[in-house]
C-alpha atoms as a PDB file:
ATOM      1  CA  UNK A   1     119.842 116.937 185.252  1.00  0.00           C
ATOM      2  CA  UNK A   2     121.962 114.727 184.042  1.00  0.00           C
ATOM      3  CA  UNK A   3     124.318 114.835 181.329  1.00  0.00           C
ATOM      4  CA  UNK A   4     124.550 112.247 178.592  1.00  0.00           C
ATOM      5  CA  UNK A   5     128.364 112.697 178.162  1.00  0.00           C
ATOM      6  CA  UNK A   6     128.393 111.146 181.981  1.00  0.00           C
ATOM      7  CA  UNK A   7     126.386 108.191 180.941  1.00  0.00           C
ATOM      8  CA  UNK A   8     127.726 104.522 179.877  1.00  0.00           C
ATOM      9  CA  UNK A   9     125.489 103.910 177.605  1.00  0.00           C
ATOM     10  CA  UNK A  10     126.427 100.548 177.271  1.00  0.00           C
ATOM     11  CA  UNK A  11     124.714 100.399 180.824  1.00  0.00           C
ATOM     12  CA  UNK A  12     121.000 101.060 178.511  1.00  0.00           C
ATOM     13  CA  UNK A  13     121.727  97.435 177.040  1.00  0.00           C
ATOM     14  CA  UNK A  14     122.401  95.845 180.199  1.00  0.00           C
ATOM     15  CA  UNK A  15     119.535  97.678 181.744  1.00  0.00           C
ATOM     16  CA  UNK A  16     116.826  96.520 178.783  1.00  0.00           C
ATOM     17  CA  UNK A  17     118.146  93.096 179.846  1.00  0.00           C
ATOM     18  CA  UNK A  18     117.786  92.834 183.601  1.00  0.00           C
ATOM     19  CA  UNK A  19     113.777  94.380 182.903  1.00  0.00           C
ATOM     20  CA  UNK A  20     113.559  91.942 180.442  1.00  0.00           C
ATOM     21  CA  UNK A  21     114.647  89.140 181.869  1.00  0.00           C
ATOM     22  CA  UNK A  22     113.245  90.023 184.976  1.00  0.00           C
ATOM     23  CA  UNK A  23     116.010  89.423 186.978  1.00  0.00           C
ATOM     24  CA  UNK A  24     120.002  90.419 187.516  1.00  0.00           C
ATOM     25  CA  UNK A  25     120.682  86.779 187.317  1.00  0.00           C
ATOM     26  CA  UNK A  26     118.801  86.340 184.353  1.00  0.00           C
ATOM     27  CA  UNK A  27     120.064  89.405 182.347  1.00  0.00           C
ATOM     28  CA  UNK A  28     124.209  88.061 183.910  1.00  0.00           C
ATOM     29  CA  UNK A  29     123.051  84.389 181.415  1.00  0.00           C
ATOM     30  CA  UNK A  30     122.159  86.288 178.950  1.00  0.00           C
ATOM     31  CA  UNK A  31     125.207  88.777 178.763  1.00  0.00           C
ATOM     32  CA  UNK A  32     127.505  86.303 179.655  1.00  0.00           C
ATOM     33  CA  UNK A  33     128.342  88.316 182.677  1.00  0.00           C
ATOM     34  CA  UNK A  34     128.806  87.627 186.224  1.00  0.00           C
ATOM     35  CA  UNK A  35     125.557  88.756 188.253  1.00  0.00           C
ATOM     36  CA  UNK A  36     127.891  91.402 190.399  1.00  0.00           C
ATOM     37  CA  UNK A  37     128.527  93.064 187.243  1.00  0.00           C
ATOM     38  CA  UNK A  38     125.240  93.679 186.380  1.00  0.00           C
ATOM     39  CA  UNK A  39     124.117  94.526 189.552  1.00  0.00           C
ATOM     40  CA  UNK A  40     126.847  97.192 189.709  1.00  0.00           C
ATOM     41  CA  UNK A  41     125.920  98.301 186.545  1.00  0.00           C
ATOM     42  CA  UNK A  42     122.521  98.963 187.511  1.00  0.00           C
ATOM     43  CA  UNK A  43     123.989 100.917 190.288  1.00  0.00           C
ATOM     44  CA  UNK A  44     126.103 102.813 188.293  1.00  0.00           C
ATOM     45  CA  UNK A  45     123.304 103.745 185.675  1.00  0.00           C
ATOM     46  CA  UNK A  46     120.964 105.158 188.605  1.00  0.00           C
ATOM     47  CA  UNK A  47     123.414 107.349 189.891  1.00  0.00           C
ATOM     48  CA  UNK A  48     124.359 108.408 186.314  1.00  0.00           C
ATOM     49  CA  UNK A  49     120.866 109.160 185.364  1.00  0.00           C
ATOM     50  CA  UNK A  50     120.222 110.681 189.081  1.00  0.00           C
ATOM     51  CA  UNK A  51     117.108 108.754 189.547  1.00  0.00           C
ATOM     52  CA  UNK A  52     116.150 105.204 191.028  1.00  0.00           C
ATOM     53  CA  UNK A  53     115.240 102.374 188.433  1.00  0.00           C
ATOM     54  CA  UNK A  54     114.565  99.785 190.018  1.00  0.00           C
ATOM     55  CA  UNK A  55     113.111  98.119 192.885  1.00  0.00           C
ATOM     56  CA  UNK A  56     114.723  95.091 194.228  1.00  0.00           C
ATOM     57  CA  UNK A  57     113.187  92.639 196.717  1.00  0.00           C
ATOM     58  CA  UNK A  58     114.140  89.045 197.921  1.00  0.00           C
ATOM     59  CA  UNK A  59     111.450  87.630 195.610  1.00  0.00           C
ATOM     60  CA  UNK A  60     111.171  89.625 192.094  1.00  0.00           C
ATOM     61  CA  UNK A  61     112.285  92.801 190.591  1.00  0.00           C
ATOM     62  CA  UNK A  62     109.870  95.962 189.479  1.00  0.00           C
ATOM     63  CA  UNK A  63     110.252  99.097 187.231  1.00  0.00           C
ATOM     64  CA  UNK A  64     109.493 102.309 188.942  1.00  0.00           C
ATOM     65  CA  UNK A  65     107.723 105.031 187.661  1.00  0.00           C
ATOM     66  CA  UNK A  66     110.612 106.677 186.232  1.00  0.00           C
ATOM     67  CA  UNK A  67     112.325 103.064 185.341  1.00  0.00           C
ATOM     68  CA  UNK A  68     109.061 102.515 183.286  1.00  0.00           C
ATOM     69  CA  UNK A  69     109.111 105.752 181.005  1.00  0.00           C
ATOM     70  CA  UNK A  70     112.991 105.038 180.787  1.00  0.00           C
ATOM     71  CA  UNK A  71     112.876 101.349 180.031  1.00  0.00           C
ATOM     72  CA  UNK A  72     110.843 102.347 177.345  1.00  0.00           C
ATOM     73  CA  UNK A  73     113.085 104.843 175.611  1.00  0.00           C
ATOM     74  CA  UNK A  74     116.526 102.538 176.231  1.00  0.00           C
ATOM     75  CA  UNK A  75     114.559  99.954 174.655  1.00  0.00           C
ATOM     76  CA  UNK A  76     113.492 101.695 171.271  1.00  0.00           C
ATOM     77  CA  UNK A  77     117.200 102.988 171.444  1.00  0.00           C
ATOM     78  CA  UNK A  78     118.527  99.632 171.785  1.00  0.00           C
ATOM     79  CA  UNK A  79     116.276  98.102 168.382  1.00  0.00           C
ATOM     80  CA  UNK A  80     116.948 101.463 166.303  1.00  0.00           C
ATOM     81  CA  UNK A  81     120.815 100.767 167.383  1.00  0.00           C
ATOM     82  CA  UNK A  82     120.825  97.027 166.547  1.00  0.00           C
ATOM     83  CA  UNK A  83     119.076  97.587 163.083  1.00  0.00           C
ATOM     84  CA  UNK A  84     120.999 100.212 162.222  1.00  0.00           C
ATOM     85  CA  UNK A  85     124.338  98.353 162.774  1.00  0.00           C
ATOM     86  CA  UNK A  86     122.383  95.417 160.450  1.00  0.00           C
ATOM     87  CA  UNK A  87     122.002  98.011 158.010  1.00  0.00           C
ATOM     88  CA  UNK A  88     125.569  99.565 157.709  1.00  0.00           C
ATOM     89  CA  UNK A  89     126.362  96.136 157.311  1.00  0.00           C
ATOM     90  CA  UNK A  90     124.285  95.322 154.496  1.00  0.00           C
ATOM     91  CA  UNK A  91     126.690  95.076 151.562  1.00  0.00           C
ATOM     92  CA  UNK A  92     130.028  93.648 153.274  1.00  0.00           C
ATOM     93  CA  UNK A  93     128.314  90.982 155.988  1.00  0.00           C
ATOM     94  CA  UNK A  94     126.086  87.912 155.546  1.00  0.00           C
ATOM     95  CA  UNK A  95     123.111  87.158 157.176  1.00  0.00           C
ATOM     96  CA  UNK A  96     123.665  86.600 161.040  1.00  0.00           C
ATOM     97  CA  UNK A  97     122.123  86.351 164.104  1.00  0.00           C
ATOM     98  CA  UNK A  98     119.114  85.219 165.208  1.00  0.00           C
ATOM     99  CA  UNK A  99     115.382  85.343 163.424  1.00  0.00           C
ATOM    100  CA  UNK A 100     112.278  85.017 164.585  1.00  0.00           C
ATOM    101  CA  UNK A 101     109.494  84.185 162.553  1.00  0.00           C
ATOM    102  CA  UNK A 102     106.339  83.320 162.901  1.00  0.00           C
ATOM    103  CA  UNK A 103     103.693  81.393 160.122  1.00  0.00           C
ATOM    104  CA  UNK A 104     100.490  79.649 159.888  1.00  0.00           C
ATOM    105  CA  UNK A 105     101.007  76.186 161.500  1.00  0.00           C
ATOM    106  CA  UNK A 106     100.397  74.191 157.693  1.00  0.00           C
ATOM    107  CA  UNK A 107     102.029  76.798 155.871  1.00  0.00           C
ATOM    108  CA  UNK A 108     104.742  76.874 158.703  1.00  0.00           C
ATOM    109  CA  UNK A 109     105.444  73.007 158.021  1.00  0.00           C
ATOM    110  CA  UNK A 110     105.113  73.082 154.317  1.00  0.00           C
ATOM    111  CA  UNK A 111     106.885  75.403 152.693  1.00  0.00           C
ATOM    112  CA  UNK A 112     108.494  77.603 155.871  1.00  0.00           C
ATOM    113  CA  UNK A 113     110.246  75.424 157.498  1.00  0.00           C
ATOM    114  CA  UNK A 114     112.389  73.982 154.529  1.00  0.00           C
ATOM    115  CA  UNK A 115     113.108  77.172 153.466  1.00  0.00           C
ATOM    116  CA  UNK A 116     114.408  78.371 156.774  1.00  0.00           C
ATOM    117  CA  UNK A 117     116.414  74.967 156.564  1.00  0.00           C
ATOM    118  CA  UNK A 118     118.150  75.829 153.612  1.00  0.00           C
ATOM    119  CA  UNK A 119     118.898  79.213 154.063  1.00  0.00           C
ATOM    120  CA  UNK A 120     120.626  78.558 157.672  1.00  0.00           C
ATOM    121  CA  UNK A 121     122.562  75.720 155.089  1.00  0.00           C
ATOM    122  CA  UNK A 122     123.985  78.795 153.014  1.00  0.00           C
ATOM    123  CA  UNK A 123     124.369  81.518 155.822  1.00  0.00           C
ATOM    124  CA  UNK A 124     125.601  79.466 159.062  1.00  0.00           C
ATOM    125  CA  UNK A 125     125.834  82.129 161.354  1.00  0.00           C
ATOM    126  CA  UNK A 126     121.906  82.622 160.772  1.00  0.00           C
ATOM    127  CA  UNK A 127     119.626  81.045 163.547  1.00  0.00           C
ATOM    128  CA  UNK A 128     116.370  80.609 162.525  1.00  0.00           C
ATOM    129  CA  UNK A 129     113.142  80.374 165.399  1.00  0.00           C
ATOM    130  CA  UNK A 130     109.832  79.452 163.622  1.00  0.00           C
ATOM    131  CA  UNK A 131     106.397  79.896 165.888  1.00  0.00           C
ATOM    132  CA  UNK A 132     103.887  78.240 163.912  1.00  0.00           C
ATOM    133  CA  UNK A 133     100.432  79.599 165.364  1.00  0.00           C
ATOM    134  CA  UNK A 134      97.033  80.061 163.860  1.00  0.00           C
ATOM    135  CA  UNK A 135      96.191  83.049 165.201  1.00  0.00           C
ATOM    136  CA  UNK A 136      97.330  86.783 164.648  1.00  0.00           C
ATOM    137  CA  UNK A 137     100.602  87.614 167.298  1.00  0.00           C
ATOM    138  CA  UNK A 138     101.698  91.210 168.081  1.00  0.00           C
ATOM    139  CA  UNK A 139     104.999  91.126 166.218  1.00  0.00           C
ATOM    140  CA  UNK A 140     106.243  93.981 168.736  1.00  0.00           C
ATOM    141  CA  UNK A 141     105.519  91.776 171.966  1.00  0.00           C
ATOM    142  CA  UNK A 142     106.775  88.716 170.949  1.00  0.00           C
ATOM    143  CA  UNK A 143     109.986  90.180 169.482  1.00  0.00           C
ATOM    144  CA  UNK A 144     108.850  88.268 166.050  1.00  0.00           C
ATOM    145  CA  UNK A 145     111.487  89.922 163.079  1.00  0.00           C
ATOM    146  CA  UNK A 146     108.969  88.795 160.383  1.00  0.00           C
ATOM    147  CA  UNK A 147     105.172  87.226 160.717  1.00  0.00           C
ATOM    148  CA  UNK A 148     103.844  85.181 157.385  1.00  0.00           C
ATOM    149  CA  UNK A 149     100.113  85.584 156.525  1.00  0.00           C
ATOM    150  CA  UNK A 150      98.847  83.567 153.970  1.00  0.00           C
ATOM    151  CA  UNK A 151      95.121  85.009 152.743  1.00  0.00           C
ATOM    152  CA  UNK A 152      93.732  88.544 153.227  1.00  0.00           C
ATOM    153  CA  UNK A 153      96.096  90.975 154.293  1.00  0.00           C
ATOM    154  CA  UNK A 154      94.303  93.457 157.771  1.00  0.00           C
ATOM    155  CA  UNK A 155      95.267  96.337 158.080  1.00  0.00           C
ATOM    156  CA  UNK A 156      97.507  97.255 160.515  1.00  0.00           C
ATOM    157  CA  UNK A 157     100.561  99.433 161.447  1.00  0.00           C
ATOM    158  CA  UNK A 158     103.263  96.768 160.027  1.00  0.00           C
ATOM    159  CA  UNK A 159     104.970  97.267 156.707  1.00  0.00           C
ATOM    160  CA  UNK A 160     104.762  94.077 154.157  1.00  0.00           C
ATOM    161  CA  UNK A 161     105.685  92.560 151.369  1.00  0.00           C
ATOM    162  CA  UNK A 162     103.907  90.306 148.534  1.00  0.00           C
ATOM    163  CA  UNK A 163     105.809  87.252 148.309  1.00  0.00           C
ATOM    164  CA  UNK A 164     102.919  85.141 146.123  1.00  0.00           C
ATOM    165  CA  UNK A 165      99.886  84.045 145.443  1.00  0.00           C
ATOM    166  CA  UNK A 166      97.725  80.760 146.434  1.00  0.00           C
ATOM    167  CA  UNK A 167      95.169  78.769 144.924  1.00  0.00           C
ATOM    168  CA  UNK A 168      92.643  76.764 146.190  1.00  0.00           C
ATOM    169  CA  UNK A 169      91.782  72.954 145.185  1.00  0.00           C
ATOM    170  CA  UNK A 170      88.346  70.672 145.760  1.00  0.00           C
ATOM    171  CA  UNK A 171      89.524  67.566 146.765  1.00  0.00           C
ATOM    172  CA  UNK A 172      88.557  63.933 147.029  1.00  0.00           C
ATOM    173  CA  UNK A 173      90.310  60.966 148.034  1.00  0.00           C
ATOM    174  CA  UNK A 174      89.753  58.726 144.733  1.00  0.00           C
ATOM    175  CA  UNK A 175      87.469  56.081 146.663  1.00  0.00           C
ATOM    176  CA  UNK A 176      84.513  58.518 147.706  1.00  0.00           C
ATOM    177  CA  UNK A 177      84.452  59.162 144.090  1.00  0.00           C
ATOM    178  CA  UNK A 178      84.135  56.023 142.923  1.00  0.00           C
ATOM    179  CA  UNK A 179      81.213  55.651 145.256  1.00  0.00           C
ATOM    180  CA  UNK A 180      79.196  57.915 143.742  1.00  0.00           C
ATOM    181  CA  UNK A 181      78.487  59.408 140.546  1.00  0.00           C
ATOM    182  CA  UNK A 182      80.898  61.643 139.615  1.00  0.00           C
ATOM    183  CA  UNK A 183      79.856  65.417 139.616  1.00  0.00           C
ATOM    184  CA  UNK A 184      79.841  67.509 136.848  1.00  0.00           C
ATOM    185  CA  UNK A 185      78.508  71.110 137.718  1.00  0.00           C
ATOM    186  CA  UNK A 186      78.911  72.150 141.541  1.00  0.00           C
ATOM    187  CA  UNK A 187      75.543  71.804 142.539  1.00  0.00           C
ATOM    188  CA  UNK A 188      76.143  67.943 141.752  1.00  0.00           C
ATOM    189  CA  UNK A 189      78.860  68.667 145.057  1.00  0.00           C
ATOM    190  CA  UNK A 190      75.852  68.531 147.948  1.00  0.00           C
ATOM    191  CA  UNK A 191      75.619  65.000 147.400  1.00  0.00           C
ATOM    192  CA  UNK A 192      78.812  64.343 148.856  1.00  0.00           C
ATOM    193  CA  UNK A 193      79.904  64.428 152.362  1.00  0.00           C
ATOM    194  CA  UNK A 194      82.147  67.613 152.912  1.00  0.00           C
ATOM    195  CA  UNK A 195      85.145  68.144 155.211  1.00  0.00           C
ATOM    196  CA  UNK A 196      85.171  71.705 156.714  1.00  0.00           C
ATOM    197  CA  UNK A 197      88.320  73.985 157.867  1.00  0.00           C
ATOM    198  CA  UNK A 198      86.918  75.313 160.702  1.00  0.00           C
ATOM    199  CA  UNK A 199      88.797  78.538 161.021  1.00  0.00           C
ATOM    200  CA  UNK A 200      87.643  80.086 157.700  1.00  0.00           C
ATOM    201  CA  UNK A 201      84.880  83.170 157.903  1.00  0.00           C
ATOM    202  CA  UNK A 202      82.670  80.860 156.377  1.00  0.00           C
ATOM    203  CA  UNK A 203      83.893  77.713 156.190  1.00  0.00           C
ATOM    204  CA  UNK A 204      80.756  75.423 154.753  1.00  0.00           C
ATOM    205  CA  UNK A 205      80.031  77.844 151.268  1.00  0.00           C
ATOM    206  CA  UNK A 206      82.483  78.324 148.821  1.00  0.00           C
ATOM    207  CA  UNK A 207      81.765  80.029 145.328  1.00  0.00           C
ATOM    208  CA  UNK A 208      82.787  78.732 141.701  1.00  0.00           C
ATOM    209  CA  UNK A 209      83.928  80.123 139.061  1.00  0.00           C
ATOM    210  CA  UNK A 210      84.041  79.473 135.512  1.00  0.00           C
ATOM    211  CA  UNK A 211      83.746  82.116 133.123  1.00  0.00           C
ATOM    212  CA  UNK A 212      80.752  84.157 133.111  1.00  0.00           C
ATOM    213  CA  UNK A 213      79.345  81.297 134.903  1.00  0.00           C
ATOM    214  CA  UNK A 214      79.097  81.586 139.060  1.00  0.00           C
ATOM    215  CA  UNK A 215      77.500  79.465 141.643  1.00  0.00           C
ATOM    216  CA  UNK A 216      77.738  79.340 144.810  1.00  0.00           C
ATOM    217  CA  UNK A 217      77.404  76.193 147.147  1.00  0.00           C
ATOM    218  CA  UNK A 218      76.975  75.712 150.647  1.00  0.00           C
ATOM    219  CA  UNK A 219      77.799  72.101 151.948  1.00  0.00           C
ATOM    220  CA  UNK A 220      76.768  70.276 155.014  1.00  0.00           C
ATOM    221  CA  UNK A 221      79.915  69.144 156.902  1.00  0.00           C
ATOM    222  CA  UNK A 222      80.260  66.055 158.316  1.00  0.00           C
ATOM    223  CA  UNK A 223      83.474  66.821 159.807  1.00  0.00           C
ATOM    224  CA  UNK A 224      85.434  69.629 160.665  1.00  0.00           C
ATOM    225  CA  UNK A 225      88.924  70.616 162.238  1.00  0.00           C
ATOM    226  CA  UNK A 226      90.721  73.837 162.809  1.00  0.00           C
ATOM    227  CA  UNK A 227      94.070  72.657 160.823  1.00  0.00           C
ATOM    228  CA  UNK A 228      94.479  72.049 157.266  1.00  0.00           C
ATOM    229  CA  UNK A 229      96.648  69.346 158.309  1.00  0.00           C
ATOM    230  CA  UNK A 230      93.796  67.723 159.873  1.00  0.00           C
ATOM    231  CA  UNK A 231      90.829  68.209 156.730  1.00  0.00           C
ATOM    232  CA  UNK A 232      93.780  66.758 154.833  1.00  0.00           C
ATOM    233  CA  UNK A 233      94.111  63.655 156.574  1.00  0.00           C
ATOM    234  CA  UNK A 234      90.389  63.572 156.510  1.00  0.00           C
ATOM    235  CA  UNK A 235      89.983  63.588 153.121  1.00  0.00           C
ATOM    236  CA  UNK A 236      92.628  61.348 152.380  1.00  0.00           C
ATOM    237  CA  UNK A 237      90.696  58.558 154.642  1.00  0.00           C
ATOM    238  CA  UNK A 238      87.554  59.787 152.416  1.00  0.00           C
ATOM    239  CA  UNK A 239      85.729  61.564 154.986  1.00  0.00           C
ATOM    240  CA  UNK A 240      84.783  63.794 152.293  1.00  0.00           C
ATOM    241  CA  UNK A 241      85.215  66.344 149.587  1.00  0.00           C
ATOM    242  CA  UNK A 242      87.449  69.274 151.092  1.00  0.00           C
ATOM    243  CA  UNK A 243      88.795  72.493 149.768  1.00  0.00           C
ATOM    244  CA  UNK A 244      92.444  72.821 150.706  1.00  0.00           C
ATOM    245  CA  UNK A 245      95.642  75.818 149.113  1.00  0.00           C
ATOM    246  CA  UNK A 246      97.200  74.222 146.434  1.00  0.00           C
ATOM    247  CA  UNK A 247     100.456  74.275 148.870  1.00  0.00           C
ATOM    248  CA  UNK A 248      99.085  71.442 151.094  1.00  0.00           C
ATOM    249  CA  UNK A 249      97.012  69.191 148.518  1.00  0.00           C
ATOM    250  CA  UNK A 250     100.052  69.700 145.537  1.00  0.00           C
ATOM    251  CA  UNK A 251     101.968  66.149 146.720  1.00  0.00           C
ATOM    252  CA  UNK A 252      98.721  64.266 147.038  1.00  0.00           C
ATOM    253  CA  UNK A 253      97.447  65.310 143.759  1.00  0.00           C
ATOM    254  CA  UNK A 254     101.191  64.658 141.860  1.00  0.00           C
ATOM    255  CA  UNK A 255     100.756  61.350 143.456  1.00  0.00           C
ATOM    256  CA  UNK A 256      97.071  59.949 142.938  1.00  0.00           C
ATOM    257  CA  UNK A 257      96.445  60.017 146.907  1.00  0.00           C
ATOM    258  CA  UNK A 258      93.797  63.184 146.104  1.00  0.00           C
ATOM    259  CA  UNK A 259      91.901  63.812 142.920  1.00  0.00           C
ATOM    260  CA  UNK A 260      90.916  67.586 142.143  1.00  0.00           C
ATOM    261  CA  UNK A 261      87.216  67.863 141.896  1.00  0.00           C
ATOM    262  CA  UNK A 262      85.762  70.055 139.073  1.00  0.00           C
ATOM    263  CA  UNK A 263      89.135  71.748 137.375  1.00  0.00           C
ATOM    264  CA  UNK A 264      87.414  73.970 135.217  1.00  0.00           C
ATOM    265  CA  UNK A 265      86.036  75.649 138.229  1.00  0.00           C
ATOM    266  CA  UNK A 266      88.150  78.323 140.022  1.00  0.00           C
ATOM    267  CA  UNK A 267      87.744  79.202 143.367  1.00  0.00           C
ATOM    268  CA  UNK A 268      89.070  81.958 145.043  1.00  0.00           C
ATOM    269  CA  UNK A 269      92.817  82.347 146.285  1.00  0.00           C
ATOM    270  CA  UNK A 270      94.788  84.715 147.995  1.00  0.00           C
ATOM    271  CA  UNK A 271      98.425  86.109 148.461  1.00  0.00           C
ATOM    272  CA  UNK A 272     100.932  85.431 150.857  1.00  0.00           C
ATOM    273  CA  UNK A 273     102.555  88.409 152.117  1.00  0.00           C
ATOM    274  CA  UNK A 274     105.635  88.914 154.500  1.00  0.00           C
ATOM    275  CA  UNK A 275     104.609  91.308 157.381  1.00  0.00           C
ATOM    276  CA  UNK A 276     107.208  93.061 159.765  1.00  0.00           C
ATOM    277  CA  UNK A 277     107.399  95.693 162.336  1.00  0.00           C
ATOM    278  CA  UNK A 278     107.482  99.267 160.704  1.00  0.00           C
ATOM    279  CA  UNK A 279     111.321 100.143 160.929  1.00  0.00           C
ATOM    280  CA  UNK A 280     113.910 102.339 159.283  1.00  0.00           C
ATOM    281  CA  UNK A 281     116.501  99.639 157.871  1.00  0.00           C
ATOM    282  CA  UNK A 282     115.202  96.266 157.528  1.00  0.00           C
ATOM    283  CA  UNK A 283     117.572  93.556 158.833  1.00  0.00           C
ATOM    284  CA  UNK A 284     119.911  91.740 155.940  1.00  0.00           C
ATOM    285  CA  UNK A 285     118.608  88.527 157.971  1.00  0.00           C
ATOM    286  CA  UNK A 286     115.181  89.499 157.286  1.00  0.00           C
ATOM    287  CA  UNK A 287     115.873  90.742 153.224  1.00  0.00           C
ATOM    288  CA  UNK A 288     117.533  87.053 152.848  1.00  0.00           C
ATOM    289  CA  UNK A 289     114.613  85.091 154.475  1.00  0.00           C
ATOM    290  CA  UNK A 290     111.882  87.094 152.413  1.00  0.00           C
ATOM    291  CA  UNK A 291     114.136  86.669 149.049  1.00  0.00           C
ATOM    292  CA  UNK A 292     114.707  82.975 149.430  1.00  0.00           C
ATOM    293  CA  UNK A 293     111.125  82.503 150.425  1.00  0.00           C
ATOM    294  CA  UNK A 294     110.089  84.271 147.359  1.00  0.00           C
ATOM    295  CA  UNK A 295     112.191  82.415 145.471  1.00  0.00           C
ATOM    296  CA  UNK A 296     111.114  79.197 146.753  1.00  0.00           C
ATOM    297  CA  UNK A 297     106.730  80.729 146.213  1.00  0.00           C
ATOM    298  CA  UNK A 298     107.923  81.120 142.490  1.00  0.00           C
ATOM    299  CA  UNK A 299     109.581  78.030 141.536  1.00  0.00           C
END
């Protein structure tokens, strides 16, 4: 059995990079080393461990059965070591390194991107990569440090922190409202065309509340799209009423490009959460981003 004292632990990091890059050349590029140096590390690591870890062919590189289990253990060791190093430096170092953030397309473009730019301006050693998608991603598999989730938070094994809240707004272009009698109650809305956000569970059905009064209206969409941005554009063009989050239409309402319809009736809103893989230590770069986003939302 191999003795831990006989193993150069630096080779574990090299091994993880070789596996994740898929080749010795790719790992060498990532680490800034010569390919021959990376190859030598792998040969020595296998000798130290006493097992074959990699199968090399002219076309590709793959793991042996022993290598698969060894890689998973090494990946955890490298990840936890990096987290521990960052945690130890929480009080003495500014955020640095690369932070990978994922967010819904519209919220990412409208809110997250400006926050990221401002945070990078304050911390030049920090690099932020924003991945905007409208589906839930596997944070560990995609190597995501932080996910922003808008709406109901699904159960998962991740850790989460509430960043803030949002409200839904029923909006329309002024010209559309001038073309029909002004709606006074939710029931009057059925006479209007409706633009639906198709990714919602029930995009055509909305519940309005005013004190104890509750009215559920089912619209007949004349246009629908899978992004809030396209729904907003359709509403601006006079395509129909639309229900959109306040962060999407705030500027349009302020500038009069859209009108808040039946503002005395409330629509359901939701929460905005920061979600991260479970870990003993939360890196400073993650903490800094969450704090910046929370401050932006509160403002």
